């Protein structure tokens, strides 16, 4: 394993903090209300859910910013997609895992903003060993599936 990968994966956590400059730019555009998967140390919103509160089991509302635990992205992205279907906007910072089931089932349904280069997440000594992407699910209660038109 190369030294950069080892340095970024050696931590015993799935919780990598969002770079502040990236969050600030997105917050200026969207005005976030909730961070559903955070710790007190890396929460980006005043209202947030910690691991022991199980953000996946909570109701999300308002404008949501989500940087999920990378190993469990599928469940979080599904929840983000479903939350948008109920009328709330969810902006996701995700690893660009275009080969996964969750990417094809959910991420491709959102607006994708590609990030050039590799991010250095808060707490990381080096840039991430994978590309990252922003996926935006805009709140729409009226997005029923169409039947042939």
Protein backbone atom coordinates (compact mmCIF):
# COMPACT_ATOMS: atom_id res chain seq x y z
CA UNK A 1 0.00 0.00 0.00
CA UNK A 2 1.46 3.36 -0.90
CA UNK A 3 2.22 5.81 1.90
CA UNK A 4 -0.55 8.27 0.93
CA UNK A 5 -3.23 5.58 0.96
CA UNK A 6 -1.92 4.16 4.22
CA UNK A 7 -1.84 7.58 5.87
CA UNK A 8 -5.45 8.29 4.92
CA UNK A 9 -6.84 4.87 5.82
CA UNK A 10 -4.96 4.22 9.04
CA UNK A 11 -7.46 6.15 11.14
CA UNK A 12 -9.99 3.96 12.92
CA UNK A 13 -12.96 5.89 11.62
CA UNK A 14 -15.33 6.11 8.71
CA UNK A 15 -15.97 9.77 9.49
CA UNK A 16 -13.86 12.10 7.41
CA UNK A 17 -14.67 15.76 7.80
CA UNK A 18 -15.71 17.84 4.83
CA UNK A 19 -13.15 20.48 3.84
CA UNK A 20 -14.47 23.77 5.24
CA UNK A 21 -13.96 25.73 2.02
CA UNK A 22 -16.08 23.23 0.09
CA UNK A 23 -18.86 23.23 2.67
CA UNK A 24 -18.87 27.04 2.83
CA UNK A 25 -19.26 27.34 -0.95
CA UNK A 26 -22.15 24.85 -0.98
CA UNK A 27 -23.76 26.43 2.09
CA UNK A 28 -23.75 29.84 0.40
CA UNK A 29 -25.65 28.28 -2.49
CA UNK A 30 -28.07 26.04 -0.57
CA UNK A 31 -28.28 27.27 3.07
CA UNK A 32 -28.11 23.97 4.97
CA UNK A 33 -30.29 23.04 7.95
CA UNK A 34 -29.14 19.51 8.79
CA UNK A 35 -26.03 17.30 8.76
CA UNK A 36 -27.44 13.77 9.29
CA UNK A 37 -24.18 11.83 9.70
CA UNK A 38 -21.71 13.77 11.79
CA UNK A 39 -19.74 13.89 15.00
CA UNK A 40 -19.58 16.88 17.32
CA UNK A 41 -16.06 17.48 15.95
CA UNK A 42 -16.94 17.50 12.24
CA UNK A 43 -20.61 18.60 12.13
CA UNK A 44 -21.17 21.37 9.62
CA UNK A 45 -24.69 22.39 10.72
CA UNK A 46 -26.10 23.38 14.10
CA UNK A 47 -28.60 20.51 13.72
CA UNK A 48 -26.90 17.14 13.20
CA UNK A 49 -27.26 13.46 14.01
CA UNK A 50 -24.45 11.43 15.53
CA UNK A 51 -23.83 7.72 15.04
CA UNK A 52 -25.70 6.74 18.21
CA UNK A 53 -28.73 8.69 16.97
CA UNK A 54 -28.72 6.68 13.72
CA UNK A 55 -29.30 9.34 11.09
CA UNK A 56 -30.71 6.70 8.75
CA UNK A 57 -33.58 6.11 11.18
CA UNK A 58 -34.31 9.84 11.64
CA UNK A 59 -36.62 12.06 9.58
CA UNK A 60 -34.64 14.52 7.48
CA UNK A 61 -36.11 17.90 6.68
CA UNK A 62 -35.12 21.25 5.27
CA UNK A 63 -31.97 21.50 3.20
CA UNK A 64 -29.61 18.66 4.09
CA UNK A 65 -25.84 18.36 3.69
CA UNK A 66 -24.56 14.79 3.78
CA UNK A 67 -21.00 13.43 3.85
CA UNK A 68 -21.71 9.78 4.77
CA UNK A 69 -19.43 7.08 6.13
CA UNK A 70 -17.79 5.89 2.91
CA UNK A 71 -18.17 2.18 3.58
CA UNK A 72 -21.95 2.48 3.87
CA UNK A 73 -22.72 4.98 1.12
CA UNK A 74 -25.48 2.93 -0.46
CA UNK A 75 -27.93 3.19 2.44
CA UNK A 76 -27.21 6.90 2.92
CA UNK A 77 -27.61 7.76 -0.76
CA UNK A 78 -30.88 5.84 -0.89
CA UNK A 79 -32.12 7.83 2.13
CA UNK A 80 -31.03 11.09 0.46
CA UNK A 81 -32.91 10.19 -2.72
CA UNK A 82 -36.06 9.23 -0.76
CA UNK A 83 -35.85 12.42 1.30
CA UNK A 84 -35.80 14.50 -1.89
CA UNK A 85 -38.86 12.61 -3.11
CA UNK A 86 -40.61 13.97 0.01
CA UNK A 87 -39.74 17.55 -0.93
CA UNK A 88 -36.41 18.23 0.81
CA UNK A 89 -33.14 19.03 -0.95
CA UNK A 90 -30.12 16.86 -0.09
CA UNK A 91 -26.58 17.71 -1.18
CA UNK A 92 -24.18 14.79 -0.91
CA UNK A 93 -20.39 14.69 -0.82
CA UNK A 94 -19.56 11.18 -2.01
CA UNK A 95 -16.73 9.05 -3.26
CA UNK A 96 -17.15 8.70 -7.02
CA UNK A 97 -17.94 4.99 -7.11
CA UNK A 98 -19.49 4.72 -10.53
CA UNK A 99 -19.25 0.93 -10.54
CA UNK A 100 -21.59 0.38 -7.58
CA UNK A 101 -25.26 -0.51 -7.47
CA UNK A 102 -26.09 2.56 -5.35
CA UNK A 103 -24.45 4.85 -7.91
CA UNK A 104 -26.63 3.53 -10.73
CA UNK A 105 -29.83 3.23 -8.69
CA UNK A 106 -29.68 6.62 -6.96
CA UNK A 107 -26.72 8.93 -7.68
CA UNK A 108 -27.46 9.03 -11.40
CA UNK A 109 -30.94 10.36 -10.53
CA UNK A 110 -29.40 13.51 -9.05
CA UNK A 111 -27.44 16.45 -10.39
CA UNK A 112 -23.78 15.47 -10.47
CA UNK A 113 -20.97 17.97 -9.97
CA UNK A 114 -17.57 16.45 -10.65
CA UNK A 115 -14.68 17.57 -8.45
CA UNK A 116 -11.37 17.96 -10.24
CA UNK A 117 -8.47 16.37 -8.41
CA UNK A 118 -8.64 14.63 -5.06
CA UNK A 119 -9.95 16.30 -1.91
CA UNK A 120 -8.04 16.48 1.31
CA UNK A 121 -10.68 15.69 3.91
CA UNK A 122 -10.37 17.23 7.36
CA UNK A 123 -8.19 14.94 9.42
CA UNK A 124 -6.43 13.54 6.36
CA UNK A 125 -2.71 14.02 6.02
CA UNK A 126 -2.84 13.64 2.25
CA UNK A 127 -5.45 13.94 -0.45
CA UNK A 128 -7.99 11.12 -0.58
CA UNK A 129 -6.97 8.03 -2.57
CA UNK A 130 -10.22 8.26 -4.57
CA UNK A 131 -12.12 10.92 -6.52
CA UNK A 132 -15.06 12.69 -4.88
CA UNK A 133 -18.25 14.10 -6.34
CA UNK A 134 -21.18 16.25 -5.27
CA UNK A 135 -24.61 14.74 -5.95
CA UNK A 136 -27.64 16.99 -5.49
CA UNK A 137 -31.13 15.63 -5.01
CA UNK A 138 -33.47 18.60 -5.33
CA UNK A 139 -36.60 18.36 -3.24
CA UNK A 140 -39.53 17.49 -5.45
CA UNK A 141 -42.77 16.04 -4.21
CA UNK A 142 -44.07 15.96 -7.77
CA UNK A 143 -41.54 13.57 -9.27
CA UNK A 144 -43.88 10.66 -9.85
CA UNK A 145 -42.72 8.22 -12.47
CA UNK A 146 -44.26 8.87 -15.90
CA UNK A 147 -45.94 6.15 -17.88
CA UNK A 148 -45.26 6.38 -21.62
CA UNK A 149 -45.76 9.91 -23.06
